[in-house]
Amino acid sequence: MPQIPPDVVALCDYERHAAAILPAPVRAYVDGAGADGLTHRANLEAWARIRLEGRVLADMRGATTRLTLFGQEMAHPFLLAPVASHGLAHGEGEHATALGAAAAEAVMVVSTQAGRRIEDIAARAQGPLWFQLYMQAGRDDTLTLIRRAEAAGYRALVVTVDAPVSGLRNMEQRAGFRLPAELGPVNLQGLHVPVIDVPPGRSPVFLGMLDTAPRWEDILWLREVTRLPVLLKGIMSPVDATRAVEAGIDGIIVSNHGGRALDTLPATAEALPRITRAVAGRVPVLCDGGIRRGTDALKALALGASAVLIGRPQIHALAVGGAAGVAHMLTLLRAELEVAMALTGRRFLHEIDESVICRAQD
């Protein structure tokens, strides 16, 4: 079992150690972003620009990070975002991540592109799981994935809607990353994959790739075929957020795919307040993108989020420390959030609002 290095005291330390462990092509996959990586960097920088308003002498007796989301009791507002192919970082893959998440009392969102069968992950998991769904070209195949997730006990569906085509991952391309065959998306085996004939000199994007991409009518259908809570992940526009609520969606995840899809999108910290204003409390809003500190989570909650999701850092922690690393990474975030709540005088999560943020003009 790998030992967590004694100098790992923050998420950036896991990233540093993971860089020394993972092969260069895998690092390019895990840490790479779309095109020039501008949105990826903006995610980190936007949280750093926000300043907090410290408060003193608050009554913090009975303080807690607990919350209820979609009827589920949670110990804290940190979830593990869906990430493909955990086996790139650890031999036990998603099993180790799920174990670490459970030890830290966190929900893990399992990717459609996981390297382990979703039934096997659920059978060994000791904590709650949500299922991230990539809608398939045929509704029958999509329904098959939904029914499998329901039967395995997954508690929510997270539908990724911001990647009908993959972003231009130049860092991966330069590094020559190729996913090993044994770590491929086993949950898609047996499903129907469209075959697109691409002539030389052309991209497949406008030659049929988008013909079966999901549309709003597919979301309406999806809402009708499952009783699980349905969240749309990848919402960056208030217009789309409003339309999602009108479609009966249960929750929204403000996300730019970690900067891995369309480059030069705004940071999620910039998009979040616009979307929470549009949603106006009708459904919970979550967010991801650049969350590296408990203070980042506090800022997200102040801007209207109910919870946050952690992406790349879970893979860094998995590579360095396995299940224990994932649990430790989440524990660090929770401790940092507790410190931030104490020093801003917020005893409960629902007390965290925009007054936590220091406005220069004030």
Protein backbone atom coordinates (compact mmCIF):
# COMPACT_ATOMS: atom_id res chain seq x y z
CA MET A 1 0.00 0.00 0.00
CA PRO A 2 1.50 3.39 -0.98
CA GLN A 3 2.35 5.74 1.87
CA ILE A 4 1.26 9.36 1.74
CA PRO A 5 4.41 11.51 1.75
CA PRO A 6 4.70 13.56 4.95
CA ASP A 7 4.98 16.83 3.02
CA VAL A 8 1.52 16.43 1.48
CA VAL A 9 -0.52 19.04 3.33
CA ALA A 10 -2.56 20.53 0.47
CA LEU A 11 -3.92 19.47 -2.91
CA CYS A 12 -1.05 21.14 -4.77
CA ASP A 13 1.32 18.73 -3.00
CA TYR A 14 -0.57 15.75 -4.42
CA GLU A 15 -0.29 17.29 -7.88
CA ARG A 16 3.47 17.76 -7.43
CA HIS A 17 4.05 14.19 -6.30
CA ALA A 18 1.75 12.77 -8.99
CA ALA A 19 3.80 14.56 -11.64
CA ALA A 20 6.83 12.57 -10.51
CA ILE A 21 4.94 9.26 -10.58
CA LEU A 22 2.76 9.30 -13.68
CA PRO A 23 4.28 8.75 -17.13
CA ALA A 24 4.44 11.89 -19.25
CA PRO A 25 1.63 10.85 -21.66
CA VAL A 26 -0.68 10.07 -18.72
CA ARG A 27 0.15 13.41 -17.11
CA ALA A 28 -0.77 15.06 -20.41
CA TYR A 29 -4.14 13.29 -20.31
CA VAL A 30 -4.90 14.00 -16.65
CA ASP A 31 -3.62 17.57 -16.46
CA GLY A 32 -4.08 18.61 -20.07
CA ALA A 33 -6.81 20.91 -21.30
CA GLY A 34 -8.41 22.08 -24.49
CA ALA A 35 -6.30 23.99 -27.02
CA ASP A 36 -4.16 26.58 -25.20
CA GLY A 37 -5.48 25.77 -21.71
CA LEU A 38 -6.81 29.30 -21.16
CA THR A 39 -10.06 28.20 -19.54
CA HIS A 40 -8.28 25.68 -17.35
CA ARG A 41 -5.98 28.39 -15.98
CA ALA A 42 -8.88 30.82 -15.67
CA ASN A 43 -10.71 28.35 -13.43
CA LEU A 44 -7.85 28.44 -10.93
CA GLU A 45 -7.19 32.16 -11.19
CA ALA A 46 -10.82 33.22 -10.79
CA TRP A 47 -11.18 31.61 -7.35
CA ALA A 48 -7.86 33.15 -6.28
CA ARG A 49 -9.03 36.65 -7.23
CA ILE A 50 -12.03 36.52 -4.87
CA ARG A 51 -11.31 37.92 -1.42
CA LEU A 52 -13.08 36.91 1.78
CA GLU A 53 -14.55 39.08 4.53
CA GLY A 54 -13.23 37.84 7.88
CA ARG A 55 -15.51 38.02 10.93
CA VAL A 56 -14.62 37.69 14.61
CA LEU A 57 -16.24 36.66 17.89
CA ALA A 58 -18.99 34.66 16.19
CA ASP A 59 -20.83 31.95 18.11
CA MET A 60 -19.59 28.80 16.40
CA ARG A 61 -21.00 26.26 18.86
CA GLY A 62 -22.53 23.31 17.05
CA ALA A 63 -20.94 24.25 13.70
CA THR A 64 -21.22 21.66 10.93
CA THR A 65 -20.63 21.15 7.23
CA ARG A 66 -23.57 18.78 6.86
CA LEU A 67 -26.21 19.26 4.17
CA THR A 68 -29.08 17.48 2.45
CA LEU A 69 -29.06 17.25 -1.33
CA PHE A 70 -31.72 15.46 -3.38
CA GLY A 71 -32.93 13.80 -0.19
CA GLN A 72 -29.45 12.48 0.64
CA GLU A 73 -27.71 13.40 3.88
CA MET A 74 -24.11 14.44 3.25
CA ALA A 75 -21.31 15.14 5.72
CA HIS A 76 -19.84 17.95 3.62
CA PRO A 77 -20.32 19.62 0.21
CA PHE A 78 -17.42 17.91 -1.62
CA LEU A 79 -18.20 15.31 -4.30
CA LEU A 80 -15.84 13.49 -6.64
CA ALA A 81 -16.48 14.56 -10.22
CA PRO A 82 -16.75 11.93 -12.96
CA VAL A 83 -13.33 11.10 -14.42
CA ALA A 84 -12.59 8.33 -16.91
CA SER A 85 -10.07 5.51 -16.56
CA HIS A 86 -8.85 5.70 -12.96
CA GLY A 87 -6.71 2.67 -13.72
CA LEU A 88 -4.20 5.04 -15.32
CA ALA A 89 -3.31 6.20 -11.81
CA HIS A 90 -3.76 3.07 -9.69
CA GLY A 91 -4.07 -0.67 -10.24
CA GLU A 92 -7.40 -0.87 -8.41
CA GLY A 93 -8.81 1.99 -10.46
CA GLU A 94 -12.29 3.13 -9.55
CA HIS A 95 -12.51 0.60 -6.71
CA ALA A 96 -9.76 2.44 -4.82
CA THR A 97 -11.33 5.83 -5.50
CA ALA A 98 -14.71 4.64 -4.26
CA LEU A 99 -13.12 3.27 -1.09
CA GLY A 100 -11.38 6.57 -0.42
CA ALA A 101 -14.57 8.52 -1.07
CA ALA A 102 -16.51 6.37 1.37
CA ALA A 103 -13.85 6.77 4.06
CA ALA A 104 -14.19 10.55 3.73
CA GLU A 105 -18.01 10.38 3.60
CA ALA A 106 -18.11 11.76 0.06
CA VAL A 107 -20.31 10.95 -2.91
CA MET A 108 -18.43 9.61 -5.93
CA VAL A 109 -19.82 10.27 -9.41
CA VAL A 110 -18.82 7.30 -11.56
CA SER A 111 -18.09 7.98 -15.22
CA THR A 112 -19.72 6.18 -18.12
CA GLN A 113 -16.12 5.81 -19.30
CA ALA A 114 -14.91 4.14 -16.11
CA GLY A 115 -12.46 1.32 -16.56
CA ARG A 116 -14.54 -0.98 -14.34
CA ARG A 117 -18.13 -2.13 -14.77
CA ILE A 118 -20.52 0.11 -12.89
CA GLU A 119 -22.09 -2.95 -11.25
CA ASP A 120 -18.70 -4.08 -9.93
CA ILE A 121 -17.87 -0.62 -8.60
CA ALA A 122 -21.22 -0.47 -6.81
CA ALA A 123 -20.89 -3.99 -5.40
CA ARG A 124 -17.61 -3.12 -3.66
CA ALA A 125 -18.39 0.50 -2.78
CA GLN A 126 -19.04 1.36 0.84
CA GLY A 127 -20.53 4.78 0.20
CA PRO A 128 -23.10 6.47 -2.05
CA LEU A 129 -22.55 6.66 -5.80
CA TRP A 130 -24.01 8.77 -8.58
CA PHE A 131 -23.73 7.81 -12.24
CA GLN A 132 -22.46 10.17 -14.92
CA LEU A 133 -24.25 9.48 -18.18
CA TYR A 134 -23.03 10.17 -21.67
CA MET A 135 -26.16 9.84 -23.78
CA GLN A 136 -25.65 7.33 -26.57
CA ALA A 137 -26.50 7.53 -30.25
CA GLY A 138 -29.55 5.34 -29.73
CA ARG A 139 -32.09 5.79 -26.97
CA ASP A 140 -32.19 2.04 -26.38
CA ASP A 141 -28.50 2.07 -25.48
CA THR A 142 -28.95 5.10 -23.25
CA LEU A 143 -31.84 3.39 -21.50
CA THR A 144 -29.72 0.28 -21.00
CA LEU A 145 -27.11 2.35 -19.12
CA ILE A 146 -29.80 4.04 -17.03
CA ARG A 147 -31.41 0.74 -16.03
CA ARG A 148 -28.02 -0.74 -15.14
CA ALA A 149 -27.26 2.24 -12.90
CA GLU A 150 -30.67 2.05 -11.26
CA ALA A 151 -30.36 -1.68 -10.63
CA ALA A 152 -26.87 -1.24 -9.14
CA GLY A 153 -28.13 1.32 -6.62
CA TYR A 154 -26.78 4.58 -8.02
CA ARG A 155 -28.65 7.48 -6.45
CA ALA A 156 -28.62 10.15 -9.17
CA LEU A 157 -27.87 10.62 -12.86
CA VAL A 158 -25.39 13.29 -13.90
CA VAL A 159 -25.82 13.91 -17.62
CA THR A 160 -22.80 15.56 -19.24
CA VAL A 161 -24.11 17.89 -21.95
CA ASP A 162 -21.11 20.05 -22.86
CA ALA A 163 -19.09 17.58 -24.93
CA PRO A 164 -21.05 16.40 -27.98
CA VAL A 165 -17.59 16.39 -29.55
CA SER A 166 -14.25 16.17 -27.78
CA GLY A 167 -12.20 19.28 -27.22
CA LEU A 168 -8.92 19.75 -29.05
CA ARG A 169 -6.51 18.29 -26.49
CA ASN A 170 -3.24 19.55 -27.97
CA MET A 171 -1.21 18.60 -24.89
CA GLU A 172 -2.37 14.99 -25.21
CA GLN A 173 -1.69 15.02 -28.94
CA ARG A 174 1.86 16.28 -28.49
CA ALA A 175 2.54 13.66 -25.81
CA GLY A 176 1.14 10.86 -27.95
CA PHE A 177 -1.30 9.67 -25.27
CA ARG A 178 -3.21 6.50 -26.10
CA LEU A 179 -5.56 4.82 -23.65
CA PRO A 180 -4.39 1.24 -23.01
CA ALA A 181 -6.87 -1.30 -24.34
CA GLU A 182 -7.31 -2.91 -20.92
CA LEU A 183 -8.48 0.41 -19.47
CA GLY A 184 -11.07 1.16 -22.14
CA PRO A 185 -14.71 2.06 -21.42
CA VAL A 186 -15.99 -1.39 -20.48
CA ASN A 187 -19.48 -0.06 -19.79
CA LEU A 188 -19.94 0.77 -23.47
CA GLN A 189 -19.18 -2.74 -24.68
CA GLY A 190 -22.02 -4.13 -26.75
CA LEU A 191 -23.56 -0.74 -27.47
CA HIS A 192 -23.92 0.67 -30.96
CA VAL A 193 -21.24 3.13 -32.05
CA PRO A 194 -21.98 5.12 -35.24
CA VAL A 195 -19.49 4.58 -38.04
CA ILE A 196 -18.60 7.79 -39.88
CA ASP A 197 -16.77 7.73 -43.19
CA VAL A 198 -14.30 10.61 -43.17
CA PRO A 199 -12.57 11.45 -46.44
CA PRO A 200 -8.98 12.68 -46.37
CA GLY A 201 -8.57 16.30 -45.41
CA ARG A 202 -11.89 16.57 -43.56
CA SER A 203 -12.95 16.56 -39.91
CA PRO A 204 -15.75 14.18 -38.88
CA VAL A 205 -17.51 16.89 -36.85
CA PHE A 206 -19.81 18.11 -39.63
CA LEU A 207 -19.83 14.81 -41.50
CA GLY A 208 -22.23 12.96 -39.24
CA MET A 209 -20.66 13.09 -35.77
CA LEU A 210 -23.27 15.56 -34.55
CA ASP A 211 -26.25 13.80 -36.14
CA THR A 212 -26.86 11.71 -33.02
CA ALA A 213 -25.70 14.25 -30.42
CA PRO A 214 -28.26 14.81 -27.64
CA ARG A 215 -30.77 17.63 -27.95
CA TRP A 216 -33.30 19.16 -25.59
CA GLU A 217 -35.98 16.69 -26.67
CA ASP A 218 -33.70 13.88 -25.50
CA ILE A 219 -33.44 15.50 -22.07
CA LEU A 220 -37.24 15.66 -21.88
CA TRP A 221 -37.38 11.96 -22.77
CA LEU A 222 -34.73 11.13 -20.20
CA ARG A 223 -36.62 12.92 -17.47
CA GLU A 224 -39.62 10.70 -18.24
CA VAL A 225 -37.83 7.33 -18.15
CA THR A 226 -36.19 7.49 -14.70
CA ARG A 227 -37.19 8.36 -11.17
CA LEU A 228 -33.65 9.14 -10.15
CA PRO A 229 -32.70 12.80 -9.69
CA VAL A 230 -31.29 14.10 -12.98
CA LEU A 231 -28.60 16.77 -13.08
CA LEU A 232 -27.22 18.42 -16.19
CA LYS A 233 -23.46 18.90 -16.06
CA GLY A 234 -21.83 21.46 -18.30
CA ILE A 235 -24.22 24.39 -17.99
CA MET A 236 -22.44 27.72 -18.48
CA SER A 237 -25.25 29.91 -19.83
CA PRO A 238 -28.18 31.38 -17.85
CA VAL A 239 -30.35 30.71 -20.90
CA ASP A 240 -29.52 26.99 -20.78
CA ALA A 241 -29.95 26.95 -17.01
CA THR A 242 -33.46 28.39 -17.30
CA ARG A 243 -34.35 25.93 -20.02
CA ALA A 244 -33.07 23.03 -17.90
CA VAL A 245 -35.31 24.05 -15.00
CA GLU A 246 -38.27 24.36 -17.34
CA ALA A 247 -37.49 20.84 -18.63
CA GLY A 248 -37.93 19.46 -15.11
CA ILE A 249 -34.27 18.82 -14.38
CA ASP A 250 -33.54 18.32 -10.67
CA GLY A 251 -30.15 20.03 -10.53
CA ILE A 252 -27.51 21.90 -12.51
CA ILE A 253 -23.74 21.59 -12.46
CA VAL A 254 -21.96 24.71 -13.62
CA SER A 255 -18.94 23.30 -15.43
CA ASN A 256 -16.69 24.02 -18.39
CA HIS A 257 -15.42 20.43 -18.39
CA GLY A 258 -12.34 21.50 -16.48
CA GLY A 259 -11.28 23.52 -19.49
CA ARG A 260 -10.99 20.31 -21.51
CA ALA A 261 -13.73 21.06 -24.06
CA LEU A 262 -14.13 24.56 -25.53
CA ASP A 263 -11.19 26.78 -24.69
CA THR A 264 -11.76 30.48 -23.80
CA LEU A 265 -15.01 29.77 -21.99
CA PRO A 266 -15.28 31.83 -18.79
CA ALA A 267 -14.18 30.36 -15.48
CA THR A 268 -16.89 28.59 -13.53
CA ALA A 269 -16.45 31.15 -10.73
CA GLU A 270 -17.44 33.81 -13.27
CA ALA A 271 -20.40 31.86 -14.68
CA LEU A 272 -21.75 30.62 -11.35
CA PRO A 273 -23.39 33.83 -10.03
CA ARG A 274 -25.07 34.49 -13.38
CA ILE A 275 -26.58 31.02 -13.37
CA THR A 276 -27.67 31.01 -9.73
CA ARG A 277 -29.47 34.30 -10.37
CA ALA A 278 -31.27 32.77 -13.35
CA VAL A 279 -32.20 29.62 -11.44
CA ALA A 280 -33.37 31.68 -8.45
CA GLY A 281 -33.37 28.75 -6.03
CA ARG A 282 -35.73 26.56 -8.05
CA VAL A 283 -33.21 23.67 -8.16
CA PRO A 284 -29.82 23.11 -6.51
CA VAL A 285 -26.81 24.40 -8.41
CA LEU A 286 -23.43 22.67 -8.05
CA CYS A 287 -20.14 23.58 -9.69
CA ASP A 288 -16.68 22.28 -10.49
CA GLY A 289 -13.57 23.69 -12.12
CA GLY A 290 -10.43 24.74 -10.28
CA ILE A 291 -11.56 23.93 -6.73
CA ARG A 292 -8.27 23.35 -4.91
CA ARG A 293 -8.90 24.76 -1.43
CA GLY A 294 -11.63 24.80 1.15
CA THR A 295 -11.71 28.57 0.66
CA ASP A 296 -12.58 27.97 -3.00
CA ALA A 297 -15.55 25.89 -1.88
CA LEU A 298 -16.61 28.60 0.57
CA LYS A 299 -16.54 31.13 -2.28
CA ALA A 300 -18.59 28.82 -4.50
CA LEU A 301 -21.21 28.43 -1.79
CA ALA A 302 -21.21 32.20 -1.29
CA LEU A 303 -21.99 32.60 -4.99
CA GLY A 304 -24.97 30.27 -4.75
CA ALA A 305 -23.65 26.73 -5.15
CA SER A 306 -24.98 23.98 -2.90
CA ALA A 307 -21.90 21.77 -3.33
CA VAL A 308 -18.74 21.42 -5.41
CA LEU A 309 -17.11 18.62 -7.37
CA ILE A 310 -13.41 17.75 -7.40
CA GLY A 311 -11.90 16.47 -10.66
CA ARG A 312 -8.17 16.26 -11.38
CA PRO A 313 -7.06 16.28 -7.69
CA GLN A 314 -8.75 12.93 -7.07
CA ILE A 315 -6.50 11.35 -9.72
CA HIS A 316 -3.41 13.04 -8.28
CA ALA A 317 -4.29 11.70 -4.83
CA LEU A 318 -5.12 8.26 -6.21
CA ALA A 319 -1.76 8.05 -7.98
CA VAL A 320 0.17 9.07 -4.87
CA GLY A 321 -1.72 7.32 -2.09
CA GLY A 322 -4.39 5.05 -3.50
CA ALA A 323 -7.65 4.92 -1.54
CA ALA A 324 -5.95 6.49 1.48
CA GLY A 325 -4.76 9.36 -0.70
CA VAL A 326 -8.27 10.06 -1.98
CA ALA A 327 -9.65 10.03 1.56
CA HIS A 328 -6.83 12.28 2.80
CA MET A 329 -7.33 14.73 -0.08
CA LEU A 330 -11.02 15.08 0.77
CA THR A 331 -10.22 15.40 4.48
CA LEU A 332 -7.86 18.26 3.72
CA LEU A 333 -10.59 20.09 1.80
CA ARG A 334 -13.13 19.56 4.54
CA ALA A 335 -10.71 20.81 7.21
CA GLU A 336 -9.90 23.87 5.12
CA LEU A 337 -13.60 24.62 4.69
CA GLU A 338 -14.17 24.30 8.42
CA VAL A 339 -11.33 26.75 9.12
CA ALA A 340 -12.71 29.17 6.53
CA MET A 341 -16.20 28.95 8.03
CA ALA A 342 -14.80 29.59 11.51
CA LEU A 343 -12.82 32.64 10.39
CA THR A 344 -15.73 34.12 8.45
CA GLY A 345 -18.19 33.44 11.28
CA ARG A 346 -20.43 30.98 9.42
CA ARG A 347 -21.68 28.15 11.59
CA PHE A 348 -23.76 26.36 8.94
CA LEU A 349 -23.52 26.07 5.18
CA HIS A 350 -26.80 27.91 4.66
CA GLU A 351 -25.28 30.94 6.40
CA ILE A 352 -22.64 31.26 3.68
CA ASP A 353 -23.82 33.99 1.31
CA GLU A 354 -22.34 36.85 -0.71
CA SER A 355 -21.61 38.83 2.45
CA VAL A 356 -18.68 36.43 2.93
CA ILE A 357 -17.04 38.03 -0.11
CA CYS A 358 -15.09 41.26 0.38
CA ARG A 359 -16.18 43.85 -2.16
CA ALA A 360 -13.53 46.51 -2.80
CA GLN A 361 -16.13 49.21 -3.40
CA ASP A 362 -17.59 48.59 0.07
